[in-house]
Amino acid sequence: MGLPDSDVVRAWRPGVPGVAEVLHAAWHEHAYPAHTHDTWAVLIVDHGLIGYGLDGHEHAAQRTGVTVLPPGVVHDGRSVTATGFRKRVVYLEPAVLDDGLVGRAVDAPLVLDDTLRARFAGLDRALTMREDLAAEGLLALVTEGLAWHLSGRPTPPRKPPAASTARRARDLLDADPAQPIRLAEVATELGVTVPHLVRAFTRELGLPPHRYLVGRRLDMARRRLLAGEPAADVAAATGFHDQAHLTRHFRRLLRTTPARYQRG
C-alpha cells in the first residue's frame, strides 16, 4: 500500500467503549515534535518506516509489528524513508491496559506478533466501517494480546468449557437479535472475559459472535422485505445503523441490494 499524492489525515471518535480516537495518516515529509498523550496509542505502519524517540531512547515503528506508546510518556516522530509513511492508530482509554504495563511498553514498544497485527488491522477495519460489535470483540483480543506480551507472556488461567459458554452466549443473542448489545454484557452474564467469549463462540459455532448476530439480523430483514416493508424501516427494526449499513451486509451475503431482493 503506497501513499496518496498529497498528505492525508482522518480522525474520528467511534462509539466503542475503550476507544478514545482513531487516526489514519499519510505524510510525505513530516516530523512531529515531542509530546504526550493521555491515552495508549497503538499503531501499525502500512508504508514506510517511522523513527521516534520514546522517553529519551530511539526506536522504529515498522510494518512487521504493532507499536504501543503508553500514556504520559514523551515521544516524537519522523519519516525514516524518503517516500514518507502511512499509519493507522487506535487511541485507547488509559484503563483499557493496566498501569503496570507502562514501563514494559517504554522498554519494548514494538510487538512482533503476526496474529496480533492481523487482529489490530481487523479492529481498525471494523471501527472504520462502524461495525461496533465486531470492533468490541477484536478490541478485547487485541488488548489481551498486548497485555500478554507486555507482562512477559504468562501461562493463561484455566477457562470454562467452550461448548457451554458458546451455547449460553448464543441463547442470549437469540433472545432479541435486533436489540443493541455489548459483548461485555454477554461476558459478564456468563462470568467470562470478552476474549474467552469470542474464542469459545468461534471455536464451537465456526464464526465470531458479531457475524452470527449479523446473520440473524439479515434473516429477519429478508422476511420483512419480502413482506413489503420499506428498506429503511427494515434496517431500523432489525438492528442495523441505517439503510446503507443493511445494504452493505446484504451485498456481502447475497450480492444484491435489499431493493432488488424485494422486487424478486
Protein backbone atom coordinates (compact mmCIF):
# COMPACT_ATOMS: atom_id res chain seq x y z
CA MET A 1 0.00 0.00 0.00
CA GLY A 2 1.64 3.20 -1.19
CA LEU A 3 0.98 6.82 -0.38
CA PRO A 4 -1.59 9.18 -1.92
CA ASP A 5 -0.29 12.16 -3.89
CA SER A 6 -0.92 14.56 -1.00
CA ASP A 7 -0.85 14.25 2.78
CA VAL A 8 -3.98 12.75 4.33
CA VAL A 9 -5.20 12.94 7.92
CA ARG A 10 -8.52 11.49 9.05
CA ALA A 11 -9.61 11.17 12.68
CA TRP A 12 -12.84 10.30 14.47
CA ARG A 13 -14.20 9.05 17.79
CA PRO A 14 -16.04 5.72 17.48
CA GLY A 15 -18.86 4.62 19.74
CA VAL A 16 -16.93 1.64 21.11
CA PRO A 17 -16.14 1.66 24.84
CA GLY A 18 -12.42 1.91 25.48
CA VAL A 19 -11.59 3.58 22.17
CA ALA A 20 -10.87 7.30 22.51
CA GLU A 21 -9.95 8.08 18.89
CA VAL A 22 -8.92 6.58 15.57
CA LEU A 23 -6.36 8.27 13.32
CA HIS A 24 -5.38 7.45 9.75
CA ALA A 25 -2.44 9.49 8.47
CA ALA A 26 -0.24 9.51 5.38
CA TRP A 27 2.60 12.02 5.31
CA HIS A 28 5.29 12.54 2.68
CA GLU A 29 7.53 14.80 4.75
CA HIS A 30 6.59 15.31 8.35
CA ALA A 31 8.34 15.34 11.69
CA TYR A 32 6.16 15.89 14.72
CA PRO A 33 7.62 17.43 17.89
CA ALA A 34 7.90 15.80 21.30
CA HIS A 35 4.52 15.47 23.01
CA THR A 36 2.48 13.13 25.20
CA HIS A 37 -0.97 11.52 25.08
CA ASP A 38 -3.29 10.75 27.96
CA THR A 39 -4.21 7.53 26.13
CA TRP A 40 -2.45 4.41 24.92
CA ALA A 41 -1.51 4.87 21.25
CA VAL A 42 -1.48 1.54 19.40
CA LEU A 43 -0.48 1.66 15.75
CA ILE A 44 0.57 -0.22 12.68
CA VAL A 45 2.56 1.11 9.73
CA ASP A 46 1.32 0.25 6.23
CA HIS A 47 4.03 2.07 4.28
CA GLY A 48 7.48 3.36 5.12
CA LEU A 49 9.24 3.46 8.46
CA ILE A 50 8.73 5.81 11.40
CA GLY A 51 11.63 6.76 13.65
CA TYR A 52 10.74 8.11 17.06
CA GLY A 53 12.19 8.91 20.43
CA LEU A 54 10.39 7.49 23.47
CA ASP A 55 11.47 8.54 26.94
CA GLY A 56 14.90 9.52 25.60
CA HIS A 57 15.56 6.34 23.58
CA GLU A 58 15.34 5.89 19.81
CA HIS A 59 13.02 3.30 18.25
CA ALA A 60 11.43 2.47 14.89
CA ALA A 61 7.82 1.65 14.09
CA GLN A 62 7.96 -0.83 11.25
CA ARG A 63 5.46 -2.69 9.09
CA THR A 64 6.06 -6.08 10.66
CA GLY A 65 4.72 -5.33 14.15
CA VAL A 66 2.37 -3.43 16.41
CA THR A 67 3.77 -0.36 18.18
CA VAL A 68 2.48 0.56 21.65
CA LEU A 69 3.08 4.04 23.07
CA PRO A 70 1.97 4.35 26.71
CA PRO A 71 0.10 7.32 28.17
CA GLY A 72 2.05 10.18 29.70
CA VAL A 73 5.40 9.29 28.11
CA VAL A 74 7.12 11.85 25.87
CA HIS A 75 7.68 10.83 22.25
CA ASP A 76 8.21 12.41 18.84
CA GLY A 77 8.23 11.01 15.30
CA ARG A 78 9.64 11.37 11.81
CA SER A 79 9.83 9.54 8.50
CA VAL A 80 12.97 7.47 8.03
CA THR A 81 12.40 6.84 4.32
CA ALA A 82 12.31 9.38 1.50
CA THR A 83 8.81 8.29 0.47
CA GLY A 84 7.13 9.11 3.79
CA PHE A 85 4.85 6.82 5.78
CA ARG A 86 1.26 5.72 6.27
CA LYS A 87 0.00 4.66 9.69
CA ARG A 88 -3.22 3.64 11.42
CA VAL A 89 -3.56 4.49 15.11
CA VAL A 90 -6.17 3.50 17.67
CA TYR A 91 -6.00 5.53 20.87
CA LEU A 92 -7.21 3.52 23.86
CA GLU A 93 -8.53 4.89 27.14
CA PRO A 94 -5.92 4.53 29.91
CA ALA A 95 -7.98 1.98 31.86
CA VAL A 96 -8.03 -0.48 28.94
CA LEU A 97 -4.50 -1.63 29.82
CA ASP A 98 -3.05 -1.88 33.31
CA ASP A 99 -0.81 0.94 34.55
CA GLY A 100 1.78 -1.67 35.45
CA LEU A 101 2.43 -2.29 31.74
CA VAL A 102 3.67 1.26 31.06
CA GLY A 103 7.28 0.51 31.97
CA ARG A 104 7.43 -2.56 29.76
CA ALA A 105 5.93 -0.61 26.85
CA VAL A 106 8.59 2.09 27.29
CA ASP A 107 11.34 -0.55 27.20
CA ALA A 108 9.93 -2.58 24.29
CA PRO A 109 7.23 -0.68 22.37
CA LEU A 110 7.37 -2.86 19.23
CA VAL A 111 5.43 -6.14 19.50
CA LEU A 112 6.32 -8.63 16.76
CA ASP A 113 3.28 -10.89 16.50
CA ASP A 114 1.63 -11.57 13.13
CA THR A 115 -1.66 -12.70 14.69
CA LEU A 116 -1.85 -9.61 16.86
CA ARG A 117 -1.11 -7.36 13.88
CA ALA A 118 -3.84 -9.04 11.82
CA ARG A 119 -6.32 -8.62 14.67
CA PHE A 120 -5.39 -4.97 15.04
CA ALA A 121 -5.91 -4.43 11.30
CA GLY A 122 -9.30 -6.11 11.65
CA LEU A 123 -10.13 -3.86 14.60
CA ASP A 124 -9.25 -0.80 12.54
CA ARG A 125 -11.44 -2.00 9.66
CA ALA A 126 -14.36 -2.67 11.99
CA LEU A 127 -14.03 0.79 13.53
CA THR A 128 -13.81 2.36 10.08
CA MET A 129 -16.96 0.53 8.90
CA ARG A 130 -18.85 1.29 12.16
CA GLU A 131 -19.18 -2.43 12.93
CA ASP A 132 -19.22 -1.79 16.67
CA LEU A 133 -19.90 -5.34 17.87
CA ALA A 134 -17.09 -6.72 15.71
CA ALA A 135 -14.81 -3.95 16.95
CA GLU A 136 -15.63 -4.73 20.57
CA GLY A 137 -14.65 -8.38 20.16
CA LEU A 138 -11.46 -7.57 18.27
CA LEU A 139 -10.53 -4.87 20.77
CA ALA A 140 -10.75 -7.43 23.56
CA LEU A 141 -8.48 -9.84 21.69
CA VAL A 142 -6.00 -7.07 20.81
CA THR A 143 -5.76 -5.73 24.37
CA GLU A 144 -5.45 -9.25 25.75
CA GLY A 145 -2.60 -9.93 23.31
CA LEU A 146 -0.85 -6.69 24.16
CA ALA A 147 -1.16 -7.34 27.89
CA TRP A 148 0.18 -10.86 27.42
CA HIS A 149 3.26 -9.63 25.56
CA LEU A 150 3.90 -6.69 27.87
CA SER A 151 3.54 -8.77 31.03
CA GLY A 152 6.10 -11.36 29.96
CA ARG A 153 3.81 -13.95 28.31
CA PRO A 154 2.46 -15.69 31.42
CA THR A 155 0.64 -19.03 31.30
CA PRO A 156 -3.08 -18.26 30.85
CA PRO A 157 -5.50 -19.40 33.58
CA ARG A 158 -7.95 -22.25 33.00
CA LYS A 159 -11.18 -21.21 31.32
CA PRO A 160 -14.76 -22.54 31.49
CA PRO A 161 -15.65 -25.17 28.84
CA ALA A 162 -16.02 -23.56 25.43
CA ALA A 163 -19.14 -25.51 24.43
CA SER A 164 -21.28 -24.37 27.35
CA THR A 165 -20.06 -20.78 27.01
CA ALA A 166 -20.92 -20.73 23.29
CA ARG A 167 -24.39 -22.24 23.79
CA ARG A 168 -25.31 -19.84 26.55
CA ALA A 169 -23.99 -16.87 24.57
CA ARG A 170 -25.99 -17.92 21.52
CA ASP A 171 -29.14 -18.15 23.65
CA LEU A 172 -28.57 -14.60 24.88
CA LEU A 173 -28.05 -13.27 21.35
CA ASP A 174 -31.09 -15.17 20.05
CA ALA A 175 -33.35 -13.72 22.74
CA ASP A 176 -33.69 -10.45 20.80
CA PRO A 177 -31.26 -10.19 17.87
CA ALA A 178 -32.41 -6.71 16.84
CA GLN A 179 -31.55 -5.11 20.17
CA PRO A 180 -28.19 -3.32 20.56
CA ILE A 181 -25.88 -5.38 22.74
CA ARG A 182 -22.32 -5.24 24.00
CA LEU A 183 -20.15 -8.33 24.19
CA ALA A 184 -19.07 -7.11 27.62
CA GLU A 185 -22.68 -7.52 28.80
CA VAL A 186 -22.83 -11.09 27.50
CA ALA A 187 -19.44 -11.94 29.01
CA THR A 188 -20.47 -10.54 32.39
CA GLU A 189 -23.70 -12.54 32.31
CA LEU A 190 -21.71 -15.72 31.64
CA GLY A 191 -18.91 -14.95 34.09
CA VAL A 192 -16.13 -14.97 31.47
CA THR A 193 -13.91 -12.41 29.77
CA VAL A 194 -14.75 -11.00 26.35
CA PRO A 195 -11.68 -12.64 24.72
CA HIS A 196 -12.73 -16.04 26.11
CA LEU A 197 -16.29 -15.48 24.90
CA VAL A 198 -15.13 -14.63 21.36
CA ARG A 199 -12.74 -17.60 21.14
CA ALA A 200 -15.23 -20.09 22.62
CA PHE A 201 -18.06 -18.92 20.37
CA THR A 202 -15.87 -19.02 17.26
CA ARG A 203 -14.46 -22.45 18.10
CA GLU A 204 -17.86 -24.06 18.72
CA LEU A 205 -20.03 -22.32 16.11
CA GLY A 206 -17.49 -21.58 13.39
CA LEU A 207 -17.90 -17.79 13.39
CA PRO A 208 -17.49 -14.96 15.91
CA PRO A 209 -20.48 -13.52 17.82
CA HIS A 210 -20.79 -10.38 15.70
CA ARG A 211 -21.05 -12.36 12.46
CA TYR A 212 -23.60 -14.71 14.00
CA LEU A 213 -25.71 -11.75 15.11
CA VAL A 214 -25.46 -10.06 11.70
CA GLY A 215 -26.69 -13.30 10.13
CA ARG A 216 -29.69 -13.44 12.45
CA ARG A 217 -30.49 -9.81 11.69
CA LEU A 218 -30.24 -10.45 7.95
CA ASP A 219 -32.71 -13.34 8.28
CA MET A 220 -35.16 -11.00 10.00
CA ALA A 221 -34.57 -8.30 7.39
CA ARG A 222 -35.19 -10.67 4.48
CA ARG A 223 -38.55 -11.74 5.89
CA ARG A 224 -39.62 -8.14 6.41
CA LEU A 225 -38.50 -7.10 2.94
CA LEU A 226 -40.48 -9.92 1.34
CA ALA A 227 -43.48 -8.80 3.38
CA GLY A 228 -43.25 -5.43 1.61
CA GLU A 229 -41.76 -3.20 4.32
CA PRO A 230 -39.57 -0.26 3.16
CA ALA A 231 -35.84 -0.97 3.40
CA ALA A 232 -35.17 1.99 5.71
CA ASP A 233 -37.83 0.76 8.14
CA VAL A 234 -36.47 -2.77 7.93
CA ALA A 235 -32.95 -1.57 8.76
CA ALA A 236 -34.18 0.31 11.82
CA ALA A 237 -36.28 -2.64 13.01
CA THR A 238 -33.60 -5.30 12.67
CA GLY A 239 -30.62 -3.72 14.42
CA PHE A 240 -28.73 -2.03 11.57
CA HIS A 241 -27.48 1.55 11.87
CA ASP A 242 -29.29 2.66 8.72
CA GLN A 243 -30.25 1.51 5.25
CA ALA A 244 -26.66 1.82 3.99
CA HIS A 245 -25.47 -0.47 6.78
CA LEU A 246 -28.14 -3.05 5.87
CA THR A 247 -27.25 -2.77 2.18
CA ARG A 248 -23.55 -3.35 2.81
CA HIS A 249 -24.22 -6.61 4.65
CA PHE A 250 -26.88 -7.64 2.14
CA ARG A 251 -24.38 -7.27 -0.70
CA ARG A 252 -21.77 -9.22 1.23
CA LEU A 253 -24.15 -12.16 1.75
CA LEU A 254 -26.33 -12.17 -1.38
CA ARG A 255 -24.52 -9.97 -3.93
CA THR A 256 -27.63 -7.85 -4.34
CA THR A 257 -29.36 -4.91 -2.70
CA PRO A 258 -32.40 -5.04 -0.41
CA ALA A 259 -34.46 -3.26 -3.10
CA ARG A 260 -33.61 -5.83 -5.79
CA TYR A 261 -34.18 -8.67 -3.37
CA GLN A 262 -37.59 -7.25 -2.51
CA ARG A 263 -38.59 -6.92 -6.17
CA GLY A 264 -37.76 -10.57 -6.76
